[in-house]
Amino acid sequence: MTGSTDYPKIERAIHMPSVSDMALFVFFSGVLLLAAWIAGTGRVAYVFAMLIVAAAFGYAVLDLLGMEIRRQTRD
């Protein structure tokens, strides 16, 4: 018998991110940093940067909704 009887094997449902998930994270982090850099350059650029940030937040919400829908269909 492997392991301790005090701590039985627990199956965990931890989502490990794929390479494409990590690439999307790096890309959108870069977009966010670009938006912050542009925001420091002027008033018109600030509005443009805030539109980029709003789009990033919108994507995050859509991604979360998609994840919840997938989770609902698996259960």
N, C-alpha and C. Protein backbone atom coordinates (compact mmCIF):
# COMPACT_ATOMS: atom_id res chain seq x y z
N MET A 1 0.85 -1.18 0.00
CA MET A 1 0.00 0.00 0.00
C MET A 1 0.89 1.24 0.00
N THR A 2 0.59 2.16 -0.89
CA THR A 2 1.37 3.39 -0.95
C THR A 2 0.58 4.50 -0.31
N GLY A 3 1.27 5.39 0.34
CA GLY A 3 0.61 6.52 0.99
C GLY A 3 0.12 6.17 2.37
N SER A 4 -0.37 7.15 3.05
CA SER A 4 -0.84 6.99 4.41
C SER A 4 -2.35 6.80 4.43
N THR A 5 -2.82 6.02 5.36
CA THR A 5 -4.27 5.86 5.49
C THR A 5 -4.91 7.09 6.11
N ASP A 6 -4.08 7.92 6.76
CA ASP A 6 -4.60 9.16 7.34
C ASP A 6 -4.98 10.16 6.25
N TYR A 7 -4.28 10.09 5.13
CA TYR A 7 -4.52 11.00 4.03
C TYR A 7 -4.83 10.19 2.78
N PRO A 8 -6.08 9.80 2.59
CA PRO A 8 -6.41 9.00 1.40
C PRO A 8 -6.23 9.83 0.13
N LYS A 9 -6.07 9.13 -0.97
CA LYS A 9 -5.89 9.82 -2.24
C LYS A 9 -7.15 10.61 -2.58
N ILE A 10 -6.96 11.87 -2.85
CA ILE A 10 -8.06 12.76 -3.18
C ILE A 10 -7.90 13.16 -4.64
N GLU A 11 -8.95 12.94 -5.41
CA GLU A 11 -8.90 13.39 -6.79
C GLU A 11 -9.30 14.85 -6.84
N ARG A 12 -8.43 15.63 -7.40
CA ARG A 12 -8.66 17.07 -7.48
C ARG A 12 -8.91 17.47 -8.91
N ALA A 13 -9.81 18.38 -9.09
CA ALA A 13 -10.13 18.88 -10.43
C ALA A 13 -9.48 20.24 -10.62
N ILE A 14 -8.17 20.24 -10.71
CA ILE A 14 -7.43 21.48 -10.91
C ILE A 14 -7.14 21.61 -12.39
N HIS A 15 -7.56 22.72 -12.97
CA HIS A 15 -7.33 22.97 -14.39
C HIS A 15 -5.91 23.45 -14.59
N MET A 16 -5.13 22.68 -15.33
CA MET A 16 -3.78 23.09 -15.67
C MET A 16 -3.84 23.86 -16.99
N PRO A 17 -3.32 25.08 -17.02
CA PRO A 17 -3.42 25.86 -18.26
C PRO A 17 -2.58 25.24 -19.38
N SER A 18 -3.12 25.33 -20.58
CA SER A 18 -2.41 24.82 -21.75
C SER A 18 -1.45 25.89 -22.26
N VAL A 19 -0.67 25.53 -23.25
CA VAL A 19 0.28 26.49 -23.84
C VAL A 19 -0.48 27.65 -24.47
N SER A 20 -1.62 27.35 -25.11
CA SER A 20 -2.38 28.43 -25.74
C SER A 20 -2.97 29.38 -24.68
N ASP A 21 -3.37 28.83 -23.53
CA ASP A 21 -3.86 29.69 -22.44
C ASP A 21 -2.75 30.61 -21.95
N MET A 22 -1.56 30.06 -21.80
CA MET A 22 -0.43 30.87 -21.34
C MET A 22 -0.06 31.93 -22.38
N ALA A 23 -0.12 31.56 -23.66
CA ALA A 23 0.19 32.52 -24.73
C ALA A 23 -0.82 33.66 -24.73
N LEU A 24 -2.10 33.34 -24.54
CA LEU A 24 -3.12 34.40 -24.46
C LEU A 24 -2.88 35.30 -23.27
N PHE A 25 -2.50 34.71 -22.14
CA PHE A 25 -2.22 35.51 -20.95
C PHE A 25 -1.05 36.47 -21.20
N VAL A 26 0.01 35.96 -21.80
CA VAL A 26 1.18 36.81 -22.09
C VAL A 26 0.79 37.92 -23.08
N PHE A 27 0.02 37.57 -24.11
CA PHE A 27 -0.39 38.56 -25.09
C PHE A 27 -1.22 39.68 -24.47
N PHE A 28 -2.23 39.30 -23.69
CA PHE A 28 -3.08 40.32 -23.09
C PHE A 28 -2.37 41.09 -21.98
N SER A 29 -1.41 40.48 -21.33
CA SER A 29 -0.59 41.23 -20.36
C SER A 29 0.23 42.29 -21.09
N GLY A 30 0.76 41.91 -22.23
CA GLY A 30 1.50 42.87 -23.05
C GLY A 30 0.62 44.00 -23.53
N VAL A 31 -0.60 43.68 -23.93
CA VAL A 31 -1.54 44.73 -24.37
C VAL A 31 -1.85 45.67 -23.22
N LEU A 32 -2.02 45.11 -22.03
CA LEU A 32 -2.31 45.94 -20.86
C LEU A 32 -1.12 46.86 -20.53
N LEU A 33 0.09 46.32 -20.61
CA LEU A 33 1.27 47.16 -20.37
C LEU A 33 1.40 48.23 -21.45
N LEU A 34 1.11 47.89 -22.70
CA LEU A 34 1.13 48.89 -23.77
C LEU A 34 0.10 49.98 -23.51
N ALA A 35 -1.09 49.59 -23.06
CA ALA A 35 -2.12 50.57 -22.76
C ALA A 35 -1.69 51.49 -21.62
N ALA A 36 -1.04 50.94 -20.62
CA ALA A 36 -0.56 51.77 -19.51
C ALA A 36 0.53 52.73 -19.98
N TRP A 37 1.40 52.26 -20.88
CA TRP A 37 2.47 53.12 -21.39
C TRP A 37 1.87 54.25 -22.24
N ILE A 38 0.89 53.91 -23.08
CA ILE A 38 0.25 54.92 -23.92
C ILE A 38 -0.51 55.92 -23.05
N ALA A 39 -1.10 55.43 -21.96
CA ALA A 39 -1.88 56.32 -21.09
C ALA A 39 -1.01 57.41 -20.49
N GLY A 40 0.25 57.15 -20.33
CA GLY A 40 1.14 58.16 -19.76
C GLY A 40 1.58 59.21 -20.75
N THR A 41 1.22 59.07 -22.04
CA THR A 41 1.74 59.99 -23.05
C THR A 41 0.82 61.14 -23.38
N GLY A 42 -0.45 61.08 -23.02
CA GLY A 42 -1.33 62.20 -23.36
C GLY A 42 -2.78 61.90 -23.16
N ARG A 43 -3.62 62.93 -23.36
CA ARG A 43 -5.05 62.81 -23.08
C ARG A 43 -5.76 61.92 -24.09
N VAL A 44 -5.50 62.08 -25.37
CA VAL A 44 -6.15 61.26 -26.40
C VAL A 44 -5.69 59.82 -26.27
N ALA A 45 -4.42 59.65 -25.99
CA ALA A 45 -3.89 58.30 -25.82
C ALA A 45 -4.51 57.63 -24.60
N TYR A 46 -4.83 58.43 -23.59
CA TYR A 46 -5.45 57.87 -22.39
C TYR A 46 -6.81 57.25 -22.72
N VAL A 47 -7.60 57.96 -23.53
CA VAL A 47 -8.90 57.44 -23.93
C VAL A 47 -8.72 56.14 -24.71
N PHE A 48 -7.76 56.13 -25.62
CA PHE A 48 -7.48 54.93 -26.40
C PHE A 48 -7.06 53.78 -25.49
N ALA A 49 -6.22 54.07 -24.52
CA ALA A 49 -5.76 53.04 -23.59
C ALA A 49 -6.91 52.50 -22.76
N MET A 50 -7.82 53.35 -22.34
CA MET A 50 -8.95 52.88 -21.55
C MET A 50 -9.88 52.00 -22.39
N LEU A 51 -9.99 52.28 -23.68
CA LEU A 51 -10.77 51.42 -24.56
C LEU A 51 -10.13 50.03 -24.67
N ILE A 52 -8.81 49.99 -24.72
CA ILE A 52 -8.09 48.72 -24.77
C ILE A 52 -8.31 47.95 -23.47
N VAL A 53 -8.22 48.65 -22.34
CA VAL A 53 -8.44 48.00 -21.04
C VAL A 53 -9.86 47.48 -20.94
N ALA A 54 -10.84 48.27 -21.41
CA ALA A 54 -12.23 47.83 -21.38
C ALA A 54 -12.43 46.59 -22.26
N ALA A 55 -11.76 46.55 -23.39
CA ALA A 55 -11.85 45.37 -24.25
C ALA A 55 -11.23 44.15 -23.56
N ALA A 56 -10.13 44.35 -22.84
CA ALA A 56 -9.50 43.24 -22.12
C ALA A 56 -10.42 42.72 -21.03
N PHE A 57 -11.09 43.62 -20.31
CA PHE A 57 -12.03 43.19 -19.28
C PHE A 57 -13.23 42.46 -19.91
N GLY A 58 -13.70 42.96 -21.05
CA GLY A 58 -14.80 42.29 -21.75
C GLY A 58 -14.40 40.89 -22.17
N TYR A 59 -13.18 40.73 -22.67
CA TYR A 59 -12.71 39.40 -23.04
C TYR A 59 -12.65 38.48 -21.82
N ALA A 60 -12.20 39.02 -20.69
CA ALA A 60 -12.11 38.21 -19.47
C ALA A 60 -13.49 37.73 -19.03
N VAL A 61 -14.49 38.59 -19.15
CA VAL A 61 -15.85 38.21 -18.77
C VAL A 61 -16.38 37.14 -19.72
N LEU A 62 -16.15 37.30 -21.02
CA LEU A 62 -16.61 36.30 -21.97
C LEU A 62 -15.90 34.96 -21.75
N ASP A 63 -14.62 35.01 -21.44
CA ASP A 63 -13.87 33.79 -21.16
C ASP A 63 -14.42 33.09 -19.92
N LEU A 64 -14.74 33.86 -18.89
CA LEU A 64 -15.30 33.29 -17.68
C LEU A 64 -16.67 32.67 -17.94
N LEU A 65 -17.49 33.35 -18.73
CA LEU A 65 -18.80 32.79 -19.07
C LEU A 65 -18.65 31.49 -19.86
N GLY A 66 -17.71 31.47 -20.79
CA GLY A 66 -17.47 30.24 -21.56
C GLY A 66 -17.02 29.11 -20.67
N MET A 67 -16.17 29.41 -19.70
CA MET A 67 -15.70 28.38 -18.77
C MET A 67 -16.86 27.85 -17.94
N GLU A 68 -17.74 28.73 -17.49
CA GLU A 68 -18.89 28.30 -16.70
C GLU A 68 -19.85 27.44 -17.52
N ILE A 69 -20.02 27.80 -18.79
CA ILE A 69 -20.90 27.01 -19.66
C ILE A 69 -20.32 25.62 -19.86
N ARG A 70 -18.99 25.53 -20.09
CA ARG A 70 -18.35 24.22 -20.24
C ARG A 70 -18.50 23.40 -18.96
N ARG A 71 -18.36 24.06 -17.82
CA ARG A 71 -18.46 23.35 -16.54
C ARG A 71 -19.89 22.83 -16.34
N GLN A 72 -20.88 23.62 -16.72
CA GLN A 72 -22.28 23.21 -16.59
C GLN A 72 -22.58 22.00 -17.47
N THR A 73 -22.03 21.98 -18.67
CA THR A 73 -22.32 20.86 -19.58
C THR A 73 -21.60 19.59 -19.16
N ARG A 74 -20.49 19.69 -18.44
CA ARG A 74 -19.77 18.51 -17.96
C ARG A 74 -20.49 17.85 -16.79
N ASP A 75 -21.15 18.65 -15.97
CA ASP A 75 -21.82 18.12 -14.77
C ASP A 75 -23.10 17.43 -15.07
